Amino acid sequence: MSQSPQSLTRVNVTLPTQLVEDLEASVGARGKSAFIAQAVRQMLEQLRRDKLARELEEGYAARAEEARDVSEDFRHADLEGWDARY
């Protein structure tokens, strides 16, 4: 994973020993920072998407009754022009 030209901040985190060993076995001792940075980016993006999905769901739920009322108001207009055989 290549480093993009941006400011960097050193952080100190504590991880389970086995997780660090697995990480080093996968990306090498010198690839940990880039790997962790990418994992954090992906997780943050997932959290943003989950939040947006919740907000959309809440918005749709809040508008559901209004949508049903509008649909009911136009129910007869929607059926105009249809042959009774259908």
PDB file of N, CA and C in Angstrom:
ATOM      1  N   MET A   1       0.843  -1.175   0.000  1.00  0.00           N
ATOM      2  CA  MET A   1       0.000   0.000   0.000  1.00  0.00           C
ATOM      3  C   MET A   1       0.886   1.235   0.000  1.00  0.00           C
ATOM      4  N   SER A   2       0.657   2.136  -0.899  1.00  0.00           N
ATOM      5  CA  SER A   2       1.516   3.312  -0.986  1.00  0.00           C
ATOM      6  C   SER A   2       0.973   4.447  -0.129  1.00  0.00           C
ATOM      7  N   GLN A   3       1.894   5.233   0.369  1.00  0.00           N
ATOM      8  CA  GLN A   3       1.558   6.355   1.221  1.00  0.00           C
ATOM      9  C   GLN A   3       1.278   7.564   0.344  1.00  0.00           C
ATOM     10  N   SER A   4       0.143   8.228   0.523  1.00  0.00           N
ATOM     11  CA  SER A   4      -0.124   9.440  -0.231  1.00  0.00           C
ATOM     12  C   SER A   4       0.533  10.609   0.491  1.00  0.00           C
ATOM     13  N   PRO A   5       0.845  11.680  -0.244  1.00  0.00           N
ATOM     14  CA  PRO A   5       1.521  12.818   0.383  1.00  0.00           C
ATOM     15  C   PRO A   5       0.537  13.607   1.254  1.00  0.00           C
ATOM     16  N   GLN A   6       0.517  13.296   2.530  1.00  0.00           N
ATOM     17  CA  GLN A   6      -0.352  13.987   3.473  1.00  0.00           C
ATOM     18  C   GLN A   6       0.339  14.018   4.821  1.00  0.00           C
ATOM     19  N   SER A   7      -0.145  14.868   5.711  1.00  0.00           N
ATOM     20  CA  SER A   7       0.483  14.909   7.035  1.00  0.00           C
ATOM     21  C   SER A   7       0.132  13.640   7.795  1.00  0.00           C
ATOM     22  N   LEU A   8       1.051  13.173   8.575  1.00  0.00           N
ATOM     23  CA  LEU A   8       0.878  11.944   9.331  1.00  0.00           C
ATOM     24  C   LEU A   8       0.981  12.254  10.817  1.00  0.00           C
ATOM     25  N   THR A   9       0.253  11.489  11.621  1.00  0.00           N
ATOM     26  CA  THR A   9       0.288  11.608  13.068  1.00  0.00           C
ATOM     27  C   THR A   9       0.601  10.242  13.653  1.00  0.00           C
ATOM     28  N   ARG A  10       1.551  10.210  14.541  1.00  0.00           N
ATOM     29  CA  ARG A  10       1.897   8.951  15.207  1.00  0.00           C
ATOM     30  C   ARG A  10       0.875   8.704  16.317  1.00  0.00           C
ATOM     31  N   VAL A  11       0.372   7.476  16.372  1.00  0.00           N
ATOM     32  CA  VAL A  11      -0.550   7.083  17.444  1.00  0.00           C
ATOM     33  C   VAL A  11      -0.024   5.821  18.109  1.00  0.00           C
ATOM     34  N   ASN A  12      -0.416   5.647  19.335  1.00  0.00           N
ATOM     35  CA  ASN A  12      -0.026   4.460  20.074  1.00  0.00           C
ATOM     36  C   ASN A  12      -1.304   3.685  20.376  1.00  0.00           C
ATOM     37  N   VAL A  13      -1.405   2.478  19.852  1.00  0.00           N
ATOM     38  CA  VAL A  13      -2.578   1.647  20.093  1.00  0.00           C
ATOM     39  C   VAL A  13      -2.136   0.318  20.683  1.00  0.00           C
ATOM     40  N   THR A  14      -3.030  -0.307  21.405  1.00  0.00           N
ATOM     41  CA  THR A  14      -2.760  -1.611  21.981  1.00  0.00           C
ATOM     42  C   THR A  14      -3.639  -2.629  21.287  1.00  0.00           C
ATOM     43  N   LEU A  15      -3.013  -3.672  20.755  1.00  0.00           N
ATOM     44  CA  LEU A  15      -3.730  -4.724  20.034  1.00  0.00           C
ATOM     45  C   LEU A  15      -3.368  -6.074  20.644  1.00  0.00           C
ATOM     46  N   PRO A  16      -4.252  -7.040  20.512  1.00  0.00           N
ATOM     47  CA  PRO A  16      -3.925  -8.389  20.984  1.00  0.00           C
ATOM     48  C   PRO A  16      -2.680  -8.918  20.254  1.00  0.00           C
ATOM     49  N   THR A  17      -1.824  -9.601  20.988  1.00  0.00           N
ATOM     50  CA  THR A  17      -0.565 -10.112  20.454  1.00  0.00           C
ATOM     51  C   THR A  17      -0.787 -10.958  19.200  1.00  0.00           C
ATOM     52  N   GLN A  18      -1.744 -11.861  19.249  1.00  0.00           N
ATOM     53  CA  GLN A  18      -1.993 -12.742  18.103  1.00  0.00           C
ATOM     54  C   GLN A  18      -2.414 -11.946  16.866  1.00  0.00           C
ATOM     55  N   LEU A  19      -3.188 -10.881  17.081  1.00  0.00           N
ATOM     56  CA  LEU A  19      -3.606 -10.044  15.958  1.00  0.00           C
ATOM     57  C   LEU A  19      -2.403  -9.368  15.314  1.00  0.00           C
ATOM     58  N   VAL A  20      -1.495  -8.876  16.120  1.00  0.00           N
ATOM     59  CA  VAL A  20      -0.283  -8.236  15.591  1.00  0.00           C
ATOM     60  C   VAL A  20       0.565  -9.260  14.844  1.00  0.00           C
ATOM     61  N   GLU A  21       0.701 -10.448  15.398  1.00  0.00           N
ATOM     62  CA  GLU A  21       1.473 -11.493  14.718  1.00  0.00           C
ATOM     63  C   GLU A  21       0.847 -11.850  13.375  1.00  0.00           C
ATOM     64  N   ASP A  22      -0.461 -11.969  13.341  1.00  0.00           N
ATOM     65  CA  ASP A  22      -1.155 -12.266  12.077  1.00  0.00           C
ATOM     66  C   ASP A  22      -0.979 -11.124  11.081  1.00  0.00           C
ATOM     67  N   LEU A  23      -1.052  -9.900  11.577  1.00  0.00           N
ATOM     68  CA  LEU A  23      -0.871  -8.726  10.725  1.00  0.00           C
ATOM     69  C   LEU A  23       0.523  -8.713  10.120  1.00  0.00           C
ATOM     70  N   GLU A  24       1.534  -8.904  10.941  1.00  0.00           N
ATOM     71  CA  GLU A  24       2.914  -8.912  10.449  1.00  0.00           C
ATOM     72  C   GLU A  24       3.151 -10.055   9.478  1.00  0.00           C
ATOM     73  N   ALA A  25       2.539 -11.197   9.730  1.00  0.00           N
ATOM     74  CA  ALA A  25       2.692 -12.334   8.815  1.00  0.00           C
ATOM     75  C   ALA A  25       2.061 -12.027   7.462  1.00  0.00           C
ATOM     76  N   SER A  26       1.025 -11.209   7.458  1.00  0.00           N
ATOM     77  CA  SER A  26       0.325 -10.893   6.201  1.00  0.00           C
ATOM     78  C   SER A  26       0.966  -9.745   5.437  1.00  0.00           C
ATOM     79  N   VAL A  27       1.378  -8.678   6.145  1.00  0.00           N
ATOM     80  CA  VAL A  27       1.857  -7.482   5.448  1.00  0.00           C
ATOM     81  C   VAL A  27       3.299  -7.137   5.770  1.00  0.00           C
ATOM     82  N   GLY A  28       3.928  -7.868   6.648  1.00  0.00           N
ATOM     83  CA  GLY A  28       5.310  -7.564   7.026  1.00  0.00           C
ATOM     84  C   GLY A  28       5.349  -6.540   8.144  1.00  0.00           C
ATOM     85  N   ALA A  29       6.460  -6.502   8.803  1.00  0.00           N
ATOM     86  CA  ALA A  29       6.617  -5.598   9.948  1.00  0.00           C
ATOM     87  C   ALA A  29       6.533  -4.134   9.542  1.00  0.00           C
ATOM     88  N   ARG A  30       6.923  -3.814   8.309  1.00  0.00           N
ATOM     89  CA  ARG A  30       6.943  -2.420   7.878  1.00  0.00           C
ATOM     90  C   ARG A  30       5.674  -2.009   7.139  1.00  0.00           C
ATOM     91  N   GLY A  31       4.735  -2.918   6.973  1.00  0.00           N
ATOM     92  CA  GLY A  31       3.507  -2.580   6.254  1.00  0.00           C
ATOM     93  C   GLY A  31       2.303  -2.368   7.152  1.00  0.00           C
ATOM     94  N   LYS A  32       2.531  -2.425   8.460  1.00  0.00           N
ATOM     95  CA  LYS A  32       1.414  -2.352   9.411  1.00  0.00           C
ATOM     96  C   LYS A  32       0.674  -1.025   9.355  1.00  0.00           C
ATOM     97  N   SER A  33       1.387   0.073   9.329  1.00  0.00           N
ATOM     98  CA  SER A  33       0.733   1.387   9.368  1.00  0.00           C
ATOM     99  C   SER A  33      -0.194   1.596   8.177  1.00  0.00           C
ATOM    100  N   ALA A  34       0.293   1.287   6.998  1.00  0.00           N
ATOM    101  CA  ALA A  34      -0.533   1.474   5.798  1.00  0.00           C
ATOM    102  C   ALA A  34      -1.761   0.565   5.838  1.00  0.00           C
ATOM    103  N   PHE A  35      -1.554  -0.664   6.286  1.00  0.00           N
ATOM    104  CA  PHE A  35      -2.666  -1.610   6.367  1.00  0.00           C
ATOM    105  C   PHE A  35      -3.714  -1.122   7.365  1.00  0.00           C
ATOM    106  N   ILE A  36      -3.253  -0.705   8.541  1.00  0.00           N
ATOM    107  CA  ILE A  36      -4.180  -0.228   9.573  1.00  0.00           C
ATOM    108  C   ILE A  36      -4.896   1.037   9.101  1.00  0.00           C
ATOM    109  N   ALA A  37      -4.178   1.940   8.448  1.00  0.00           N
ATOM    110  CA  ALA A  37      -4.805   3.162   7.932  1.00  0.00           C
ATOM    111  C   ALA A  37      -5.918   2.820   6.945  1.00  0.00           C
ATOM    112  N   GLN A  38      -5.655   1.883   6.045  1.00  0.00           N
ATOM    113  CA  GLN A  38      -6.672   1.482   5.064  1.00  0.00           C
ATOM    114  C   GLN A  38      -7.867   0.821   5.755  1.00  0.00           C
ATOM    115  N   ALA A  39      -7.596  -0.013   6.754  1.00  0.00           N
ATOM    116  CA  ALA A  39      -8.679  -0.673   7.487  1.00  0.00           C
ATOM    117  C   ALA A  39      -9.547   0.353   8.212  1.00  0.00           C
ATOM    118  N   VAL A  40      -8.922   1.364   8.803  1.00  0.00           N
ATOM    119  CA  VAL A  40      -9.675   2.419   9.488  1.00  0.00           C
ATOM    120  C   VAL A  40     -10.509   3.201   8.485  1.00  0.00           C
ATOM    121  N   ARG A  41      -9.927   3.544   7.326  1.00  0.00           N
ATOM    122  CA  ARG A  41     -10.685   4.250   6.284  1.00  0.00           C
ATOM    123  C   ARG A  41     -11.925   3.461   5.869  1.00  0.00           C
ATOM    124  N   GLN A  42     -11.733   2.167   5.629  1.00  0.00           N
ATOM    125  CA  GLN A  42     -12.846   1.332   5.203  1.00  0.00           C
ATOM    126  C   GLN A  42     -13.926   1.247   6.282  1.00  0.00           C
ATOM    127  N   MET A  43     -13.510   1.108   7.522  1.00  0.00           N
ATOM    128  CA  MET A  43     -14.483   1.013   8.609  1.00  0.00           C
ATOM    129  C   MET A  43     -15.233   2.325   8.788  1.00  0.00           C
ATOM    130  N   LEU A  44     -14.532   3.440   8.695  1.00  0.00           N
ATOM    131  CA  LEU A  44     -15.196   4.742   8.802  1.00  0.00           C
ATOM    132  C   LEU A  44     -16.200   4.937   7.674  1.00  0.00           C
ATOM    133  N   GLU A  45     -15.842   4.531   6.472  1.00  0.00           N
ATOM    134  CA  GLU A  45     -16.761   4.630   5.338  1.00  0.00           C
ATOM    135  C   GLU A  45     -17.997   3.762   5.579  1.00  0.00           C
ATOM    136  N   GLN A  46     -17.797   2.564   6.107  1.00  0.00           N
ATOM    137  CA  GLN A  46     -18.930   1.685   6.414  1.00  0.00           C
ATOM    138  C   GLN A  46     -19.829   2.312   7.477  1.00  0.00           C
ATOM    139  N   LEU A  47     -19.229   2.916   8.488  1.00  0.00           N
ATOM    140  CA  LEU A  47     -20.015   3.586   9.526  1.00  0.00           C
ATOM    141  C   LEU A  47     -20.824   4.735   8.942  1.00  0.00           C
ATOM    142  N   ARG A  48     -20.227   5.506   8.012  1.00  0.00           N
ATOM    143  CA  ARG A  48     -20.955   6.599   7.360  1.00  0.00           C
ATOM    144  C   ARG A  48     -22.125   6.061   6.539  1.00  0.00           C
ATOM    145  N   ARG A  49     -21.887   4.985   5.822  1.00  0.00           N
ATOM    146  CA  ARG A  49     -22.960   4.379   5.022  1.00  0.00           C
ATOM    147  C   ARG A  49     -24.076   3.839   5.907  1.00  0.00           C
ATOM    148  N   ASP A  50     -23.709   3.194   7.007  1.00  0.00           N
ATOM    149  CA  ASP A  50     -24.718   2.678   7.939  1.00  0.00           C
ATOM    150  C   ASP A  50     -25.552   3.813   8.520  1.00  0.00           C
ATOM    151  N   LYS A  51     -24.891   4.912   8.876  1.00  0.00           N
ATOM    152  CA  LYS A  51     -25.605   6.073   9.425  1.00  0.00           C
ATOM    153  C   LYS A  51     -26.562   6.647   8.384  1.00  0.00           C
ATOM    154  N   LEU A  52     -26.099   6.778   7.159  1.00  0.00           N
ATOM    155  CA  LEU A  52     -26.950   7.299   6.095  1.00  0.00           C
ATOM    156  C   LEU A  52     -28.152   6.377   5.864  1.00  0.00           C
ATOM    157  N   ALA A  53     -27.916   5.075   5.861  1.00  0.00           N
ATOM    158  CA  ALA A  53     -29.012   4.123   5.667  1.00  0.00           C
ATOM    159  C   ALA A  53     -30.042   4.255   6.791  1.00  0.00           C
ATOM    160  N   ARG A  54     -29.580   4.407   8.029  1.00  0.00           N
ATOM    161  CA  ARG A  54     -30.506   4.592   9.164  1.00  0.00           C
ATOM    162  C   ARG A  54     -31.306   5.876   9.002  1.00  0.00           C
ATOM    163  N   GLU A  55     -30.625   6.958   8.600  1.00  0.00           N
ATOM    164  CA  GLU A  55     -31.303   8.239   8.432  1.00  0.00           C
ATOM    165  C   GLU A  55     -32.338   8.169   7.316  1.00  0.00           C
ATOM    166  N   LEU A  56     -31.989   7.513   6.218  1.00  0.00           N
ATOM    167  CA  LEU A  56     -32.948   7.360   5.127  1.00  0.00           C
ATOM    168  C   LEU A  56     -34.146   6.525   5.565  1.00  0.00           C
ATOM    169  N   GLU A  57     -33.868   5.443   6.270  1.00  0.00           N
ATOM    170  CA  GLU A  57     -34.947   4.577   6.754  1.00  0.00           C
ATOM    171  C   GLU A  57     -35.869   5.340   7.698  1.00  0.00           C
ATOM    172  N   GLU A  58     -35.297   6.119   8.592  1.00  0.00           N
ATOM    173  CA  GLU A  58     -36.098   6.910   9.516  1.00  0.00           C
ATOM    174  C   GLU A  58     -36.917   7.957   8.766  1.00  0.00           C
ATOM    175  N   GLY A  59     -36.307   8.561   7.755  1.00  0.00           N
ATOM    176  CA  GLY A  59     -37.019   9.557   6.949  1.00  0.00           C
ATOM    177  C   GLY A  59     -38.175   8.947   6.190  1.00  0.00           C
ATOM    178  N   TYR A  60     -37.947   7.795   5.577  1.00  0.00           N
ATOM    179  CA  TYR A  60     -39.026   7.122   4.857  1.00  0.00           C
ATOM    180  C   TYR A  60     -40.134   6.703   5.814  1.00  0.00           C
ATOM    181  N   ALA A  61     -39.768   6.195   6.980  1.00  0.00           N
ATOM    182  CA  ALA A  61     -40.775   5.771   7.950  1.00  0.00           C
ATOM    183  C   ALA A  61     -41.605   6.962   8.423  1.00  0.00           C
ATOM    184  N   ALA A  62     -40.949   8.094   8.624  1.00  0.00           N
ATOM    185  CA  ALA A  62     -41.659   9.293   9.075  1.00  0.00           C
ATOM    186  C   ALA A  62     -42.625   9.799   8.012  1.00  0.00           C
ATOM    187  N   ARG A  63     -42.321   9.560   6.749  1.00  0.00           N
ATOM    188  CA  ARG A  63     -43.169  10.039   5.654  1.00  0.00           C
ATOM    189  C   ARG A  63     -44.159   8.986   5.163  1.00  0.00           C
ATOM    190  N   ALA A  64     -44.114   7.791   5.712  1.00  0.00           N
ATOM    191  CA  ALA A  64     -44.938   6.692   5.205  1.00  0.00           C
ATOM    192  C   ALA A  64     -46.426   7.005   5.304  1.00  0.00           C
ATOM    193  N   GLU A  65     -46.874   7.537   6.420  1.00  0.00           N
ATOM    194  CA  GLU A  65     -48.299   7.836   6.581  1.00  0.00           C
ATOM    195  C   GLU A  65     -48.744   8.895   5.574  1.00  0.00           C
ATOM    196  N   GLU A  66     -47.933   9.908   5.392  1.00  0.00           N
ATOM    197  CA  GLU A  66     -48.261  10.950   4.412  1.00  0.00           C
ATOM    198  C   GLU A  66     -48.335  10.353   3.007  1.00  0.00           C
ATOM    199  N   ALA A  67     -47.404   9.481   2.677  1.00  0.00           N
ATOM    200  CA  ALA A  67     -47.403   8.849   1.358  1.00  0.00           C
ATOM    201  C   ALA A  67     -48.655   7.990   1.169  1.00  0.00           C
ATOM    202  N   ARG A  68     -49.068   7.272   2.211  1.00  0.00           N
ATOM    203  CA  ARG A  68     -50.297   6.470   2.121  1.00  0.00           C
ATOM    204  C   ARG A  68     -51.512   7.364   1.910  1.00  0.00           C
ATOM    205  N   ASP A  69     -51.553   8.505   2.620  1.00  0.00           N
ATOM    206  CA  ASP A  69     -52.675   9.433   2.474  1.00  0.00           C
ATOM    207  C   ASP A  69     -52.745   9.981   1.050  1.00  0.00           C
ATOM    208  N   VAL A  70     -51.615  10.383   0.498  1.00  0.00           N
ATOM    209  CA  VAL A  70     -51.578  10.904  -0.876  1.00  0.00           C
ATOM    210  C   VAL A  70     -51.994   9.812  -1.852  1.00  0.00           C
ATOM    211  N   SER A  71     -51.493   8.619  -1.637  1.00  0.00           N
ATOM    212  CA  SER A  71     -51.847   7.503  -2.506  1.00  0.00           C
ATOM    213  C   SER A  71     -53.346   7.244  -2.464  1.00  0.00           C
ATOM    214  N   GLU A  72     -53.915   7.292  -1.284  1.00  0.00           N
ATOM    215  CA  GLU A  72     -55.365   7.081  -1.141  1.00  0.00           C
ATOM    216  C   GLU A  72     -56.135   8.204  -1.824  1.00  0.00           C
ATOM    217  N   ASP A  73     -55.665   9.445  -1.680  1.00  0.00           N
ATOM    218  CA  ASP A  73     -56.329  10.591  -2.325  1.00  0.00           C
ATOM    219  C   ASP A  73     -56.385  10.436  -3.839  1.00  0.00           C
ATOM    220  N   PHE A  74     -55.368   9.828  -4.423  1.00  0.00           N
ATOM    221  CA  PHE A  74     -55.298   9.709  -5.878  1.00  0.00           C
ATOM    222  C   PHE A  74     -55.672   8.317  -6.380  1.00  0.00           C
ATOM    223  N   ARG A  75     -56.161   7.461  -5.497  1.00  0.00           N
ATOM    224  CA  ARG A  75     -56.507   6.090  -5.883  1.00  0.00           C
ATOM    225  C   ARG A  75     -57.498   6.068  -7.038  1.00  0.00           C
ATOM    226  N   HIS A  76     -58.530   6.880  -6.973  1.00  0.00           N
ATOM    227  CA  HIS A  76     -59.549   6.889  -8.022  1.00  0.00           C
ATOM    228  C   HIS A  76     -58.992   7.446  -9.335  1.00  0.00           C
ATOM    229  N   ALA A  77     -58.144   8.464  -9.230  1.00  0.00           N
ATOM    230  CA  ALA A  77     -57.549   9.042 -10.441  1.00  0.00           C
ATOM    231  C   ALA A  77     -56.617   8.042 -11.107  1.00  0.00           C
ATOM    232  N   ASP A  78     -55.931   7.242 -10.303  1.00  0.00           N
ATOM    233  CA  ASP A  78     -55.029   6.239 -10.864  1.00  0.00           C
ATOM    234  C   ASP A  78     -55.783   5.204 -11.690  1.00  0.00           C
ATOM    235  N   LEU A  79     -57.021   4.959 -11.328  1.00  0.00           N
ATOM    236  CA  LEU A  79     -57.800   3.911 -12.013  1.00  0.00           C
ATOM    237  C   LEU A  79     -58.598   4.438 -13.191  1.00  0.00           C
ATOM    238  N   GLU A  80     -58.664   5.768 -13.348  1.00  0.00           N
ATOM    239  CA  GLU A  80     -59.424   6.337 -14.465  1.00  0.00           C
ATOM    240  C   GLU A  80     -58.864   5.858 -15.796  1.00  0.00           C
ATOM    241  N   GLY A  81     -59.731   5.529 -16.681  1.00  0.00           N
ATOM    242  CA  GLY A  81     -59.326   5.120 -18.020  1.00  0.00           C
ATOM    243  C   GLY A  81     -59.042   3.657 -18.157  1.00  0.00           C
ATOM    244  N   TRP A  82     -59.002   2.907 -17.077  1.00  0.00           N
ATOM    245  CA  TRP A  82     -58.770   1.470 -17.166  1.00  0.00           C
ATOM    246  C   TRP A  82     -60.097   0.778 -17.422  1.00  0.00           C
ATOM    247  N   ASP A  83     -60.080  -0.105 -18.324  1.00  0.00           N
ATOM    248  CA  ASP A  83     -61.273  -0.900 -18.621  1.00  0.00           C
ATOM    249  C   ASP A  83     -61.574  -1.788 -17.418  1.00  0.00           C
ATOM    250  N   ALA A  84     -62.809  -1.934 -17.079  1.00  0.00           N
ATOM    251  CA  ALA A  84     -63.223  -2.720 -15.919  1.00  0.00           C
ATOM    252  C   ALA A  84     -62.825  -4.177 -16.032  1.00  0.00           C
ATOM    253  N   ARG A  85     -62.479  -4.634 -17.225  1.00  0.00           N
ATOM    254  CA  ARG A  85     -62.082  -6.034 -17.406  1.00  0.00           C
ATOM    255  C   ARG A  85     -60.718  -6.317 -16.788  1.00  0.00           C
ATOM    256  N   TYR A  86     -59.919  -5.318 -16.562  1.00  0.00           N
ATOM    257  CA  TYR A  86     -58.564  -5.541 -16.061  1.00  0.00           C
ATOM    258  C   TYR A  86     -58.625  -5.715 -14.605  1.00  0.00           C
TER     259      TYR A  86
END
